[in-house]
Protein backbone atom coordinates (compact mmCIF):
# COMPACT_ATOMS: atom_id res chain seq x y z
CA UNK A 1 0.00 0.00 0.00
CA UNK A 2 2.94 2.30 0.54
CA UNK A 3 3.89 1.99 -3.13
CA UNK A 4 0.35 2.83 -4.20
CA UNK A 5 0.32 5.84 -1.90
CA UNK A 6 3.64 7.15 -3.28
CA UNK A 7 2.44 6.63 -6.85
CA UNK A 8 -0.78 8.47 -5.98
CA UNK A 9 1.12 11.47 -4.61
CA UNK A 10 3.31 11.66 -7.70
CA UNK A 11 0.37 11.25 -10.07
CA UNK A 12 -1.72 13.84 -8.23
CA UNK A 13 1.16 16.34 -8.21
CA UNK A 14 1.76 15.97 -11.94
CA UNK A 15 -1.96 16.10 -12.70
CA UNK A 16 -2.64 19.24 -10.67
CA UNK A 17 0.56 21.29 -10.82
CA UNK A 18 1.93 20.39 -14.26
CA UNK A 19 -1.11 19.54 -16.37
CA UNK A 20 -3.62 21.76 -14.48
CA UNK A 21 -6.23 19.00 -14.78
CA UNK A 22 -8.81 20.38 -12.32
CA UNK A 23 -12.39 21.59 -12.40
CA UNK A 24 -13.05 25.15 -13.57
CA UNK A 25 -14.12 26.10 -10.04
CA UNK A 26 -10.73 25.04 -8.62
CA UNK A 27 -8.50 26.97 -11.01
CA UNK A 28 -6.17 29.02 -8.86
CA UNK A 29 -6.81 26.83 -5.82
CA UNK A 30 -4.14 24.28 -6.68
CA UNK A 31 -3.43 23.12 -3.12
CA UNK A 32 -7.11 22.37 -2.45
CA UNK A 33 -7.33 20.43 -5.71
CA UNK A 34 -4.18 18.48 -4.81
CA UNK A 35 -5.52 17.63 -1.33
CA UNK A 36 -8.85 16.49 -2.78
CA UNK A 37 -7.18 14.30 -5.37
CA UNK A 38 -4.85 12.77 -2.76
CA UNK A 39 -7.83 12.08 -0.50
CA UNK A 40 -9.57 10.22 -3.34
CA UNK A 41 -6.45 8.13 -3.98
CA UNK A 42 -6.03 7.30 -0.29
CA UNK A 43 -9.69 6.34 0.08
CA UNK A 44 -9.50 4.16 -3.02
CA UNK A 45 -6.31 2.50 -1.73
CA UNK A 46 -7.83 1.76 1.67
CA UNK A 47 -10.99 0.28 0.13
CA UNK A 48 -9.08 -1.91 -2.33
CA UNK A 49 -6.45 -2.87 0.26
CA UNK A 50 -9.07 -3.86 2.83
CA UNK A 51 -10.91 -5.97 0.25
CA UNK A 52 -7.74 -7.77 -0.79
CA UNK A 53 -6.74 -8.33 2.84
CA UNK A 54 -10.18 -9.79 3.58
CA UNK A 55 -9.91 -12.16 0.62
CA UNK A 56 -6.42 -13.24 1.70
CA UNK A 57 -7.56 -13.95 5.25
CA UNK A 58 -10.59 -15.91 4.03
CA UNK A 59 -8.43 -17.84 1.59
CA UNK A 60 -5.95 -18.75 4.30
CA UNK A 61 -8.71 -19.82 6.64
CA UNK A 62 -10.65 -21.94 4.15
CA UNK A 63 -8.05 -23.28 1.74
CA UNK A 64 -4.99 -23.91 3.92
CA UNK A 65 -6.38 -26.73 5.95
CA UNK A 66 -5.34 -30.18 7.08
CA UNK A 67 -8.75 -31.51 6.10
CA UNK A 68 -8.64 -31.87 2.32
CA UNK A 69 -12.33 -32.79 2.20
CA UNK A 70 -13.21 -29.42 3.70
CA UNK A 71 -11.22 -27.66 0.97
CA UNK A 72 -12.87 -29.73 -1.74
CA UNK A 73 -16.31 -28.97 -0.30
CA UNK A 74 -15.66 -25.23 -0.27
CA UNK A 75 -14.36 -25.34 -3.85
CA UNK A 76 -17.48 -27.25 -4.91
CA UNK A 77 -19.74 -24.65 -3.24
CA UNK A 78 -17.76 -21.83 -4.81
CA UNK A 79 -18.17 -23.35 -8.29
CA UNK A 80 -21.91 -23.80 -7.72
CA UNK A 81 -22.37 -20.21 -6.56
CA UNK A 82 -20.30 -18.67 -9.37
CA UNK A 83 -22.09 -20.69 -12.01
């Protein structure tokens, strides 16, 4: 997530300060536009990161098991639901 955050800061800085890619109402208010864009990137990163972390934890819990029949059962249910 740190890499995504650093890329977001760089992208937001280039977008706002170099390319002036902001709404007409924010022209001249570059710092506010930069803060808003960074906030969107951080929020997006947290949402995506939390979703991936949840999937990783669920995958570890369900699929790394000593009981191979349990894993096969969950895979069977997953295939039925996704179908």
